[in-house]
Amino acid sequence: MTYIGAEVIISPLGRTTAENWAAIRANQSGISLVKRAGFDKSDLYLSKMLDLVDDYKFEKLLIDALSAVAQEIDPEILTSDRTIVIISSTKGELDKNIHDQFGKSISTLVSRFSLANQPVVLSNACISGVLAINAAGNFIDAKIYDHVVVIGCDLISDFVIYGFQSLFAVSDQPCAPFDASRNGITMGEGCGAVVVSQTKNIFRNDALQLLSGTSANDANHISGPSRTGEGLFRSVKKTLENNQLTAEDIDFLCAHGTATVFNDEMESIAFDRLGLSDVHLSSLKGYFGHTLGAAGVIETAASMQMMRHGLLVKSLGYRESGTSRKLNVIAENAASQPKTILKTASGFGGGNASLIIRSL
């Protein structure tokens, strides 16, 4: 069995997991109007850590995340040669070094925490976080490592903002996933972490079970999802089959839900094809914004908090169904004890990934 736990969330909602959970259960959003943040000095709604003023912000967040993880596990795990760190990110410290946005941060982590193995960077657009957790599970299953720390981290930068603005994909209001009035994403930044291990007793709090996840690429378009949700359909179908589960076994679905017209529509089609239309579903983008390579880790960690606290939080911004296939989008917080959750992610280049976590 493969275990997952020690989840960490750092975002505009708080610097600790507890602060973030308190905020999302109260349906608070990290999104605010940031003056002169967009192209041509336009004002934009962003989920931005305005109090993060360090010279090397990406490095600072990685250090804070790994320090928090160290408090939640056996302290000898980090320095073990049977432990590897995976960093999921799309852009890293891009503002400081366009030629090598990860090198300095990785070197700092190795020296500061006496890591025995060089961290691995996984950068595959917006599925990076879910893909990194799946890779961690594969490392454990193959007995290459005994423990894997997955850290997802991304920052808002001019490069990212201007790029999404050029695609006319940025909302002029806080994003509203799956809602009829949605009109684009809200960019976000933050950091999340989880620990995947073959050993249950390394965790300070109760561990959960990580089931093997999969990915699929429909190669539809460099920036647009398949209109039929084919890649997402194939990934989730394979993940369910590999774990001998059906749609009826899923208690909660944490969707990618970017709030673009095409993404949310294709997800609704894929979930309908999979028989998941009646499963309780939320997108967490209304709380954290779209944190790109960090999204899969942050949102998995938040879903784990829902399992621990027996509460499914509403999909912030959702009011009226806006997809051709109706989904069971959570409109108000609901007390629940989900045993099995499904997390999905989709991204540029046609990438799609999914994973499942179960309570023990």
Protein backbone atom coordinates (compact mmCIF):
# COMPACT_ATOMS: atom_id res chain seq x y z
CA MET A 1 0.00 0.00 0.00
CA THR A 2 1.12 3.55 -0.76
CA TYR A 3 0.39 6.28 1.78
CA ILE A 4 -0.02 10.04 1.42
CA GLY A 5 -0.13 12.75 4.07
CA ALA A 6 1.68 15.71 5.66
CA GLU A 7 -0.14 18.07 3.31
CA VAL A 8 0.98 21.70 3.25
CA ILE A 9 -0.72 24.74 1.68
CA ILE A 10 0.79 28.22 1.39
CA SER A 11 -1.30 30.76 -0.50
CA PRO A 12 -2.82 34.25 -0.30
CA LEU A 13 -5.30 32.69 2.16
CA GLY A 14 -2.59 31.89 4.69
CA ARG A 15 0.93 30.70 5.35
CA THR A 16 -0.11 27.45 7.05
CA THR A 17 -2.39 24.56 6.14
CA ALA A 18 -4.62 25.36 9.11
CA GLU A 19 -5.03 28.98 8.01
CA ASN A 20 -5.88 27.90 4.47
CA TRP A 21 -8.41 25.33 5.64
CA ALA A 22 -10.10 27.86 7.94
CA ALA A 23 -10.39 30.27 5.01
CA ILE A 24 -11.80 27.85 2.46
CA ARG A 25 -14.28 26.33 4.89
CA ALA A 26 -15.49 29.91 5.48
CA ASN A 27 -15.65 30.30 1.66
CA GLN A 28 -13.10 33.09 1.62
CA SER A 29 -11.25 33.78 -1.60
CA GLY A 30 -7.62 34.76 -2.07
CA ILE A 31 -8.60 36.70 -5.19
CA SER A 32 -8.46 40.49 -5.13
CA LEU A 33 -8.21 43.36 -7.60
CA VAL A 34 -4.54 44.18 -8.11
CA LYS A 35 -3.83 47.58 -9.60
CA ARG A 36 -1.69 47.95 -12.75
CA ALA A 37 -0.82 44.22 -12.78
CA GLY A 38 -1.72 43.42 -16.37
CA PHE A 39 -0.47 44.34 -19.80
CA ASP A 40 -0.44 48.09 -20.43
CA LYS A 41 -0.82 48.59 -16.64
CA SER A 42 -4.38 47.27 -16.57
CA ASP A 43 -6.01 46.27 -13.27
CA LEU A 44 -6.54 42.53 -12.85
CA TYR A 45 -8.20 40.16 -10.44
CA LEU A 46 -5.44 37.88 -9.14
CA SER A 47 -4.85 35.50 -6.25
CA LYS A 48 -1.50 37.04 -5.38
CA MET A 49 0.61 36.83 -2.21
CA LEU A 50 1.00 40.57 -1.82
CA ASP A 51 3.03 40.18 1.39
CA LEU A 52 5.62 37.96 -0.30
CA VAL A 53 8.42 40.47 -0.92
CA ASP A 54 11.56 38.32 -0.75
CA ASP A 55 14.15 38.71 -3.52
CA TYR A 56 13.83 35.04 -4.44
CA LYS A 57 10.16 34.31 -3.90
CA PHE A 58 10.10 30.85 -5.48
CA GLU A 59 13.03 29.71 -3.37
CA LYS A 60 11.43 31.17 -0.24
CA LEU A 61 8.20 29.26 -0.83
CA LEU A 62 10.05 25.98 -1.43
CA ILE A 63 11.98 26.43 1.82
CA ASP A 64 8.82 27.27 3.76
CA ALA A 65 6.97 24.28 2.31
CA LEU A 66 9.75 21.80 3.03
CA SER A 67 10.20 23.22 6.53
CA ALA A 68 6.48 22.70 7.16
CA VAL A 69 6.66 19.15 5.80
CA ALA A 70 9.55 18.38 8.16
CA GLN A 71 7.27 19.17 11.10
CA GLU A 72 4.70 16.61 9.93
CA ILE A 73 6.90 13.54 9.41
CA ASP A 74 9.73 11.59 11.00
CA PRO A 75 12.57 14.16 10.83
CA GLU A 76 15.09 11.57 9.59
CA ILE A 77 13.11 11.04 6.39
CA LEU A 78 14.31 14.21 4.63
CA THR A 79 18.00 13.32 4.83
CA SER A 80 17.55 9.64 3.92
CA ASP A 81 19.05 8.38 0.68
CA ARG A 82 15.73 6.56 0.19
CA THR A 83 13.93 9.91 -0.13
CA ILE A 84 13.54 12.08 -3.23
CA VAL A 85 11.96 15.53 -3.65
CA ILE A 86 9.88 16.27 -6.77
CA ILE A 87 9.15 19.91 -7.62
CA SER A 88 6.21 20.58 -9.93
CA SER A 89 6.21 24.02 -11.53
CA THR A 90 5.73 25.64 -14.89
CA LYS A 91 8.04 28.64 -14.56
CA GLY A 92 10.01 28.54 -11.30
CA GLU A 93 12.08 31.65 -10.52
CA LEU A 94 11.56 33.03 -14.04
CA ASP A 95 11.74 36.69 -13.04
CA LYS A 96 15.24 36.20 -11.63
CA ASN A 97 16.82 33.92 -14.23
CA ILE A 98 15.19 33.29 -17.58
CA HIS A 99 17.92 30.81 -18.55
CA ASP A 100 17.81 28.58 -15.44
CA GLN A 101 14.77 29.24 -13.30
CA PHE A 102 15.25 26.19 -11.05
CA GLY A 103 18.99 25.73 -10.50
CA LYS A 104 19.61 28.13 -7.62
CA SER A 105 16.50 27.07 -5.72
CA ILE A 106 17.34 23.38 -5.99
CA SER A 107 20.91 23.96 -4.82
CA THR A 108 19.61 25.88 -1.82
CA LEU A 109 17.20 23.08 -0.88
CA VAL A 110 19.92 20.43 -1.12
CA SER A 111 22.32 22.33 1.12
CA ARG A 112 19.79 23.72 3.59
CA PHE A 113 18.02 20.41 4.25
CA SER A 114 21.00 18.07 3.63
CA LEU A 115 19.10 16.20 0.93
CA ALA A 116 20.81 12.98 -0.12
CA ASN A 117 19.35 13.06 -3.64
CA GLN A 118 19.09 15.83 -6.19
CA PRO A 119 15.45 16.98 -6.48
CA VAL A 120 13.63 16.27 -9.73
CA VAL A 121 11.74 19.06 -11.53
CA LEU A 122 8.54 18.04 -13.30
CA SER A 123 7.19 20.70 -15.62
CA ASN A 124 4.28 19.64 -17.82
CA ALA A 125 1.96 22.63 -17.95
CA CYS A 126 -1.04 22.59 -15.62
CA ILE A 127 -1.08 18.83 -15.02
CA SER A 128 2.36 19.03 -13.39
CA GLY A 129 1.09 18.73 -9.81
CA VAL A 130 -1.12 15.68 -10.32
CA LEU A 131 1.52 14.14 -12.57
CA ALA A 132 4.17 14.67 -9.87
CA ILE A 133 2.07 12.90 -7.24
CA ASN A 134 1.50 10.04 -9.68
CA ALA A 135 5.24 9.89 -10.35
CA ALA A 136 5.84 9.73 -6.60
CA GLY A 137 3.47 6.78 -6.36
CA ASN A 138 5.28 5.06 -9.22
CA PHE A 139 8.65 5.56 -7.48
CA ILE A 140 7.23 3.90 -4.37
CA ASP A 141 5.56 1.03 -6.25
CA ALA A 142 8.79 0.32 -8.14
CA LYS A 143 10.75 0.45 -4.85
CA ILE A 144 13.14 3.01 -6.30
CA TYR A 145 12.52 5.22 -3.26
CA ASP A 146 10.73 4.67 0.04
CA HIS A 147 9.53 8.26 0.48
CA VAL A 148 8.81 11.12 -1.93
CA VAL A 149 8.15 14.74 -1.04
CA VAL A 150 6.14 16.48 -3.76
CA ILE A 151 6.19 20.29 -3.78
CA GLY A 152 4.10 22.26 -6.26
CA CYS A 153 5.00 25.92 -6.58
CA ASP A 154 4.34 28.69 -9.09
CA LEU A 155 4.40 32.48 -9.09
CA ILE A 156 2.51 35.11 -11.00
CA SER A 157 4.82 36.88 -13.43
CA ASP A 158 4.45 39.31 -16.32
CA PHE A 159 5.37 36.47 -18.69
CA VAL A 160 2.45 34.36 -17.48
CA ILE A 161 -0.08 37.19 -17.20
CA TYR A 162 0.69 38.68 -20.60
CA GLY A 163 0.62 35.24 -22.19
CA PHE A 164 -2.85 34.41 -20.92
CA GLN A 165 -4.07 37.91 -21.73
CA SER A 166 -2.87 37.44 -25.32
CA LEU A 167 -5.11 34.36 -25.48
CA PHE A 168 -8.06 36.44 -24.18
CA ALA A 169 -8.36 33.85 -21.44
CA VAL A 170 -8.23 36.09 -18.34
CA SER A 171 -11.51 36.94 -16.62
CA ASP A 172 -12.45 40.56 -15.86
CA GLN A 173 -14.02 39.30 -12.61
CA PRO A 174 -13.04 36.62 -10.08
CA CYS A 175 -13.30 33.32 -11.92
CA ALA A 176 -16.56 31.33 -11.79
CA PRO A 177 -15.88 27.69 -12.71
CA PHE A 178 -18.74 25.81 -14.42
CA ASP A 179 -21.01 28.85 -14.08
CA ALA A 180 -23.08 30.15 -16.99
CA SER A 181 -21.43 33.59 -16.74
CA ARG A 182 -17.81 32.37 -16.61
CA ASN A 183 -15.46 34.12 -19.01
CA GLY A 184 -11.93 33.09 -18.15
CA ILE A 185 -9.32 32.23 -15.58
CA THR A 186 -7.98 34.14 -12.60
CA MET A 187 -4.24 33.68 -12.18
CA GLY A 188 -2.97 32.56 -8.80
CA GLU A 189 0.26 31.81 -6.99
CA GLY A 190 1.17 29.63 -4.06
CA CYS A 191 2.82 26.45 -2.91
CA GLY A 192 1.59 23.04 -1.81
CA ALA A 193 3.26 19.85 -0.64
CA VAL A 194 2.44 16.25 0.19
CA VAL A 195 4.52 13.27 1.23
CA VAL A 196 4.07 9.89 -0.46
CA SER A 197 5.53 6.89 1.35
CA GLN A 198 5.55 3.13 1.62
CA THR A 199 5.45 3.50 5.42
CA LYS A 200 2.35 4.55 7.34
CA ASN A 201 3.97 5.44 10.64
CA ILE A 202 6.26 8.23 9.36
CA PHE A 203 3.35 10.69 9.49
CA ARG A 204 2.52 12.77 12.57
CA ASN A 205 -1.18 12.75 11.61
CA ASP A 206 -3.19 9.93 10.08
CA ALA A 207 -2.12 8.91 6.59
CA LEU A 208 -4.47 8.40 3.66
CA GLN A 209 -4.07 5.91 0.82
CA LEU A 210 -2.82 6.97 -2.61
CA LEU A 211 -4.08 4.79 -5.43
CA SER A 212 -2.20 4.59 -8.72
CA GLY A 213 -3.07 7.42 -11.09
CA THR A 214 -2.62 7.83 -14.83
CA SER A 215 -2.20 10.45 -17.52
CA ALA A 216 -3.30 10.71 -21.15
CA ASN A 217 -2.52 13.17 -23.91
CA ASP A 218 -5.05 13.93 -26.63
CA ALA A 219 -2.61 16.26 -28.44
CA ASN A 220 -5.57 18.38 -29.45
CA HIS A 221 -3.98 21.84 -29.50
CA ILE A 222 -1.08 23.74 -27.99
CA SER A 223 -3.42 25.73 -25.73
CA GLY A 224 -6.95 24.39 -26.24
CA PRO A 225 -8.52 21.26 -24.74
CA SER A 226 -10.17 18.57 -26.80
CA ARG A 227 -13.80 19.58 -27.25
CA THR A 228 -14.87 16.01 -26.43
CA GLY A 229 -12.70 15.70 -23.33
CA GLU A 230 -11.09 12.62 -24.88
CA GLY A 231 -7.79 12.82 -23.00
CA LEU A 232 -9.46 13.44 -19.66
CA PHE A 233 -11.94 10.63 -20.33
CA ARG A 234 -9.12 8.18 -21.09
CA SER A 235 -7.07 9.15 -18.04
CA VAL A 236 -9.92 8.83 -15.55
CA LYS A 237 -11.21 5.63 -17.17
CA LYS A 238 -7.77 4.06 -16.90
CA THR A 239 -7.30 5.24 -13.31
CA LEU A 240 -10.63 3.72 -12.29
CA GLU A 241 -9.93 0.46 -14.11
CA ASN A 242 -6.41 0.13 -12.72
CA ASN A 243 -7.81 0.33 -9.21
CA GLN A 244 -10.85 -1.85 -9.95
CA LEU A 245 -13.23 0.99 -9.15
CA THR A 246 -16.33 2.37 -10.86
CA ALA A 247 -17.93 5.81 -10.92
CA GLU A 248 -20.19 4.69 -8.07
CA ASP A 249 -17.14 4.35 -5.81
CA ILE A 250 -16.20 8.04 -6.10
CA ASP A 251 -17.57 10.26 -3.32
CA PHE A 252 -16.07 13.58 -4.37
CA LEU A 253 -14.53 14.97 -7.55
CA CYS A 254 -12.05 17.82 -7.34
CA ALA A 255 -12.15 19.05 -10.92
CA HIS A 256 -9.62 21.20 -12.76
CA GLY A 257 -12.34 23.79 -13.45
CA THR A 258 -10.42 26.75 -14.84
CA ALA A 259 -13.57 28.75 -15.71
CA THR A 260 -12.72 29.11 -19.38
CA VAL A 261 -15.63 28.35 -21.69
CA PHE A 262 -13.92 25.43 -23.44
CA ASN A 263 -12.22 23.79 -20.44
CA ASP A 264 -15.30 23.53 -18.23
CA GLU A 265 -17.42 22.35 -21.13
CA MET A 266 -15.02 19.56 -22.11
CA GLU A 267 -14.78 18.46 -18.46
CA SER A 268 -18.57 18.20 -18.26
CA ILE A 269 -18.60 16.04 -21.39
CA ALA A 270 -15.82 13.79 -20.09
CA PHE A 271 -17.44 13.36 -16.67
CA ASP A 272 -20.80 12.63 -18.29
CA ARG A 273 -19.19 9.96 -20.50
CA LEU A 274 -17.62 8.45 -17.38
CA GLY A 275 -20.90 8.30 -15.45
CA LEU A 276 -19.67 10.88 -12.92
CA SER A 277 -22.34 13.54 -13.48
CA ASP A 278 -24.02 12.89 -10.13
CA VAL A 279 -20.84 12.87 -8.03
CA HIS A 280 -20.35 15.89 -5.75
CA LEU A 281 -17.92 18.18 -7.58
CA SER A 282 -16.01 21.37 -6.83
CA SER A 283 -13.38 23.47 -8.50
CA LEU A 284 -11.05 25.22 -6.06
CA LYS A 285 -9.91 27.89 -8.51
CA GLY A 286 -12.32 30.38 -6.91
CA TYR A 287 -10.27 30.13 -3.69
CA PHE A 288 -6.69 29.91 -4.96
CA GLY A 289 -6.91 31.11 -8.55
CA HIS A 290 -5.20 29.03 -11.21
CA THR A 291 -1.78 28.26 -9.77
CA LEU A 292 -0.58 26.38 -12.88
CA GLY A 293 2.08 23.79 -11.94
CA ALA A 294 1.19 24.09 -8.26
CA ALA A 295 -2.56 23.61 -8.75
CA GLY A 296 -2.64 19.82 -8.64
CA VAL A 297 -0.70 19.68 -5.36
CA ILE A 298 -2.50 22.57 -3.63
CA GLU A 299 -5.93 21.25 -4.63
CA THR A 300 -5.07 17.67 -3.66
CA ALA A 301 -3.92 18.93 -0.26
CA ALA A 302 -7.16 20.91 0.14
CA SER A 303 -9.19 17.83 -0.81
CA MET A 304 -7.33 15.82 1.83
CA GLN A 305 -8.29 18.47 4.36
CA MET A 306 -11.93 18.01 3.35
CA MET A 307 -11.60 14.28 4.03
CA ARG A 308 -10.02 14.90 7.42
CA HIS A 309 -12.62 17.47 8.51
CA GLY A 310 -15.73 15.89 7.01
CA LEU A 311 -16.73 18.89 4.93
CA LEU A 312 -17.04 19.38 1.17
CA VAL A 313 -16.62 23.08 0.35
CA LYS A 314 -18.69 24.75 -2.30
CA SER A 315 -17.36 25.63 -5.72
CA LEU A 316 -16.82 29.34 -5.20
CA GLY A 317 -18.32 31.52 -7.94
CA TYR A 318 -20.82 28.90 -9.12
CA ARG A 319 -24.43 30.01 -9.31
CA GLU A 320 -26.04 28.60 -12.46
CA SER A 321 -25.07 25.62 -14.59
CA GLY A 322 -23.15 26.73 -17.66
CA THR A 323 -22.19 23.46 -19.35
CA SER A 324 -24.08 21.27 -21.81
CA ARG A 325 -23.84 18.26 -19.47
CA LYS A 326 -25.19 19.00 -16.04
CA LEU A 327 -22.83 18.29 -13.15
CA ASN A 328 -23.43 17.99 -9.43
CA VAL A 329 -21.50 21.15 -8.59
CA ILE A 330 -21.52 21.89 -4.85
CA ALA A 331 -23.33 25.20 -4.37
CA GLU A 332 -23.13 25.25 -0.56
CA ASN A 333 -20.78 23.61 1.94
CA ALA A 334 -21.93 20.10 2.76
CA ALA A 335 -21.09 17.93 5.75
CA SER A 336 -19.79 14.63 4.38
CA GLN A 337 -17.29 11.87 5.10
CA PRO A 338 -15.91 11.11 1.64
CA LYS A 339 -14.03 7.84 1.56
CA THR A 340 -12.77 8.09 -2.01
CA ILE A 341 -11.88 11.27 -3.91
CA LEU A 342 -10.87 11.76 -7.52
CA LYS A 343 -8.59 14.65 -8.51
CA THR A 344 -8.20 15.61 -12.16
CA ALA A 345 -6.08 18.09 -14.10
CA SER A 346 -5.88 19.21 -17.71
CA GLY A 347 -3.38 21.45 -19.42
CA PHE A 348 -1.77 22.97 -22.48
CA GLY A 349 -0.59 20.54 -25.11
CA GLY A 350 -3.49 18.17 -24.48
CA GLY A 351 -2.18 16.78 -21.18
CA ASN A 352 -4.61 15.22 -18.71
CA ALA A 353 -4.00 13.42 -15.42
CA SER A 354 -5.98 11.92 -12.57
CA LEU A 355 -5.41 10.33 -9.18
CA ILE A 356 -7.47 8.80 -6.39
CA ILE A 357 -7.10 9.09 -2.62
CA ARG A 358 -8.92 6.89 -0.13
CA SER A 359 -9.39 7.12 3.61
CA LEU A 360 -8.09 4.27 5.76
